[in-house]
Amino acid sequence: MASRKYGYVLTEIAEADIDETFEYIAEELSNPDAASGFADELEKKIDEICKTPNSGRLVENEHLKRNDVRRFLVDNYICYYIVDDEERNIVILRLVYGKRDQDKILKSIS
């Protein structure tokens, strides 16, 4: 019997990150087509991770309070997540621009 694919959930801050990213690309950069393309790429990457949850790279950082945080890239953004095997979900923790202070971001992940 084939195992079913994992689902995913977004933390409140991840939802805000995603909304801010789309708004920034669509409005600040005046490029709604790029925002739509980013949304499609993010959805595709999340779908891939849901099929193979442990395929994201483990994050090793002295500021991180957890040792089970993984990441994947979407264009210039880093998506941090954990795998909840019990609920069969990927929990999206944050989506952040790659040039932001990652140590500061990782300190906030609990």
C-alpha atoms as a PDB file:
ATOM      1  CA  MET A   1       0.000   0.000   0.000  1.00  0.00           C
ATOM      2  CA  ALA A   2       1.417   3.402  -0.968  1.00  0.00           C
ATOM      3  CA  SER A   3       1.751   5.957   1.793  1.00  0.00           C
ATOM      4  CA  ARG A   4      -0.278   9.076   1.383  1.00  0.00           C
ATOM      5  CA  LYS A   5       1.309  12.421   0.812  1.00  0.00           C
ATOM      6  CA  TYR A   6       1.664  14.791   3.767  1.00  0.00           C
ATOM      7  CA  GLY A   7      -0.506  17.872   4.042  1.00  0.00           C
ATOM      8  CA  TYR A   8       0.752  21.251   5.149  1.00  0.00           C
ATOM      9  CA  VAL A   9      -0.164  23.984   7.575  1.00  0.00           C
ATOM     10  CA  LEU A  10       1.105  27.539   7.887  1.00  0.00           C
ATOM     11  CA  THR A  11       1.930  29.260  11.131  1.00  0.00           C
ATOM     12  CA  GLU A  12       0.404  32.713  11.528  1.00  0.00           C
ATOM     13  CA  ILE A  13       3.768  34.341  10.940  1.00  0.00           C
ATOM     14  CA  ALA A  14       4.339  32.233   7.807  1.00  0.00           C
ATOM     15  CA  GLU A  15       0.960  33.373   6.467  1.00  0.00           C
ATOM     16  CA  ALA A  16       1.989  36.981   7.121  1.00  0.00           C
ATOM     17  CA  ASP A  17       5.389  36.376   5.479  1.00  0.00           C
ATOM     18  CA  ILE A  18       3.718  34.997   2.363  1.00  0.00           C
ATOM     19  CA  ASP A  19       1.163  37.822   2.189  1.00  0.00           C
ATOM     20  CA  GLU A  20       3.910  40.427   2.599  1.00  0.00           C
ATOM     21  CA  THR A  21       6.039  38.776  -0.078  1.00  0.00           C
ATOM     22  CA  PHE A  22       3.210  38.698  -2.623  1.00  0.00           C
ATOM     23  CA  GLU A  23       2.249  42.280  -1.810  1.00  0.00           C
ATOM     24  CA  TYR A  24       5.850  43.442  -2.127  1.00  0.00           C
ATOM     25  CA  ILE A  25       6.350  41.785  -5.514  1.00  0.00           C
ATOM     26  CA  ALA A  26       2.946  42.781  -6.910  1.00  0.00           C
ATOM     27  CA  GLU A  27       2.686  46.321  -5.551  1.00  0.00           C
ATOM     28  CA  GLU A  28       6.087  47.643  -4.501  1.00  0.00           C
ATOM     29  CA  LEU A  29       7.825  46.150  -7.530  1.00  0.00           C
ATOM     30  CA  SER A  30       4.711  46.727  -9.661  1.00  0.00           C
ATOM     31  CA  ASN A  31       4.912  43.213 -11.046  1.00  0.00           C
ATOM     32  CA  PRO A  32       1.724  41.217 -10.465  1.00  0.00           C
ATOM     33  CA  ASP A  33       2.805  38.624 -13.048  1.00  0.00           C
ATOM     34  CA  ALA A  34       5.986  37.927 -11.081  1.00  0.00           C
ATOM     35  CA  ALA A  35       3.936  37.689  -7.867  1.00  0.00           C
ATOM     36  CA  SER A  36       1.662  35.151  -9.528  1.00  0.00           C
ATOM     37  CA  GLY A  37       4.673  33.217 -10.810  1.00  0.00           C
ATOM     38  CA  PHE A  38       6.180  33.236  -7.321  1.00  0.00           C
ATOM     39  CA  ALA A  39       2.903  31.921  -5.877  1.00  0.00           C
ATOM     40  CA  ASP A  40       2.912  29.103  -8.427  1.00  0.00           C
ATOM     41  CA  GLU A  41       6.551  28.240  -7.671  1.00  0.00           C
ATOM     42  CA  LEU A  42       5.928  28.270  -3.910  1.00  0.00           C
ATOM     43  CA  GLU A  43       2.915  25.989  -4.326  1.00  0.00           C
ATOM     44  CA  LYS A  44       4.959  23.616  -6.511  1.00  0.00           C
ATOM     45  CA  LYS A  45       7.814  23.462  -3.978  1.00  0.00           C
ATOM     46  CA  ILE A  46       5.446  22.867  -1.061  1.00  0.00           C
ATOM     47  CA  ASP A  47       3.787  20.067  -3.037  1.00  0.00           C
ATOM     48  CA  GLU A  48       7.212  18.474  -3.650  1.00  0.00           C
ATOM     49  CA  ILE A  49       8.086  18.707   0.055  1.00  0.00           C
ATOM     50  CA  CYS A  50       4.724  17.161   0.975  1.00  0.00           C
ATOM     51  CA  LYS A  51       5.647  14.153  -1.187  1.00  0.00           C
ATOM     52  CA  THR A  52       9.123  13.804   0.354  1.00  0.00           C
ATOM     53  CA  PRO A  53       9.006  15.643   3.697  1.00  0.00           C
ATOM     54  CA  ASN A  54      12.586  14.995   4.767  1.00  0.00           C
ATOM     55  CA  SER A  55      14.093  16.154   1.486  1.00  0.00           C
ATOM     56  CA  GLY A  56      14.593  19.711   2.715  1.00  0.00           C
ATOM     57  CA  ARG A  57      18.012  20.479   4.091  1.00  0.00           C
ATOM     58  CA  LEU A  58      18.348  20.399   7.889  1.00  0.00           C
ATOM     59  CA  VAL A  59      19.198  23.820   9.267  1.00  0.00           C
ATOM     60  CA  GLU A  60      22.262  23.939  11.485  1.00  0.00           C
ATOM     61  CA  ASN A  61      22.601  27.204  13.349  1.00  0.00           C
ATOM     62  CA  GLU A  62      23.715  27.985  16.872  1.00  0.00           C
ATOM     63  CA  HIS A  63      20.799  30.419  17.296  1.00  0.00           C
ATOM     64  CA  LEU A  64      18.156  27.838  16.441  1.00  0.00           C
ATOM     65  CA  LYS A  65      16.342  26.398  19.447  1.00  0.00           C
ATOM     66  CA  ARG A  66      15.218  23.267  17.575  1.00  0.00           C
ATOM     67  CA  ASN A  67      17.203  20.613  15.756  1.00  0.00           C
ATOM     68  CA  ASP A  68      14.456  19.473  13.386  1.00  0.00           C
ATOM     69  CA  VAL A  69      13.998  22.597  11.247  1.00  0.00           C
ATOM     70  CA  ARG A  70      14.439  22.088   7.527  1.00  0.00           C
ATOM     71  CA  ARG A  71      14.505  24.506   4.626  1.00  0.00           C
ATOM     72  CA  PHE A  72      13.963  24.770   0.924  1.00  0.00           C
ATOM     73  CA  LEU A  73      14.479  27.613  -1.508  1.00  0.00           C
ATOM     74  CA  VAL A  74      11.973  29.413  -3.673  1.00  0.00           C
ATOM     75  CA  ASP A  75      13.777  31.905  -5.875  1.00  0.00           C
ATOM     76  CA  ASN A  76      15.511  34.310  -3.457  1.00  0.00           C
ATOM     77  CA  TYR A  77      13.452  33.206  -0.459  1.00  0.00           C
ATOM     78  CA  ILE A  78      14.054  30.579   2.205  1.00  0.00           C
ATOM     79  CA  CYS A  79      11.144  28.564   3.519  1.00  0.00           C
ATOM     80  CA  TYR A  80      11.692  27.061   6.976  1.00  0.00           C
ATOM     81  CA  TYR A  81       9.562  24.118   8.047  1.00  0.00           C
ATOM     82  CA  ILE A  82       9.298  21.130  10.352  1.00  0.00           C
ATOM     83  CA  VAL A  83       7.846  17.690   9.700  1.00  0.00           C
ATOM     84  CA  ASP A  84       5.003  16.560  11.958  1.00  0.00           C
ATOM     85  CA  ASP A  85       4.998  12.801  11.358  1.00  0.00           C
ATOM     86  CA  GLU A  86       2.212  12.204  13.863  1.00  0.00           C
ATOM     87  CA  GLU A  87      -0.221  14.491  12.032  1.00  0.00           C
ATOM     88  CA  ARG A  88       1.399  13.819   8.621  1.00  0.00           C
ATOM     89  CA  ASN A  89       1.844  17.532   8.033  1.00  0.00           C
ATOM     90  CA  ILE A  90       4.553  19.889   6.976  1.00  0.00           C
ATOM     91  CA  VAL A  91       4.447  22.932   9.249  1.00  0.00           C
ATOM     92  CA  ILE A  92       5.656  26.009   7.399  1.00  0.00           C
ATOM     93  CA  LEU A  93       7.330  28.225   9.996  1.00  0.00           C
ATOM     94  CA  ARG A  94       8.642  31.175   7.969  1.00  0.00           C
ATOM     95  CA  LEU A  95       9.228  32.403   4.417  1.00  0.00           C
ATOM     96  CA  VAL A  96      11.971  35.013   4.374  1.00  0.00           C
ATOM     97  CA  TYR A  97      14.062  36.846   1.838  1.00  0.00           C
ATOM     98  CA  GLY A  98      17.466  35.180   1.642  1.00  0.00           C
ATOM     99  CA  LYS A  99      19.451  38.370   2.260  1.00  0.00           C
ATOM    100  CA  ARG A 100      17.712  39.134   5.559  1.00  0.00           C
ATOM    101  CA  ASP A 101      19.530  38.451   8.827  1.00  0.00           C
ATOM    102  CA  GLN A 102      18.954  34.689   9.069  1.00  0.00           C
ATOM    103  CA  ASP A 103      20.417  34.450  12.568  1.00  0.00           C
ATOM    104  CA  LYS A 104      17.778  36.887  13.787  1.00  0.00           C
ATOM    105  CA  ILE A 105      15.038  34.956  11.993  1.00  0.00           C
ATOM    106  CA  LEU A 106      16.222  31.617  13.397  1.00  0.00           C
ATOM    107  CA  LYS A 107      16.366  33.003  16.948  1.00  0.00           C
ATOM    108  CA  SER A 108      12.633  33.677  16.669  1.00  0.00           C
ATOM    109  CA  ILE A 109      11.758  30.112  15.637  1.00  0.00           C
ATOM    110  CA  SER A 110      10.796  28.001  18.641  1.00  0.00           C
END
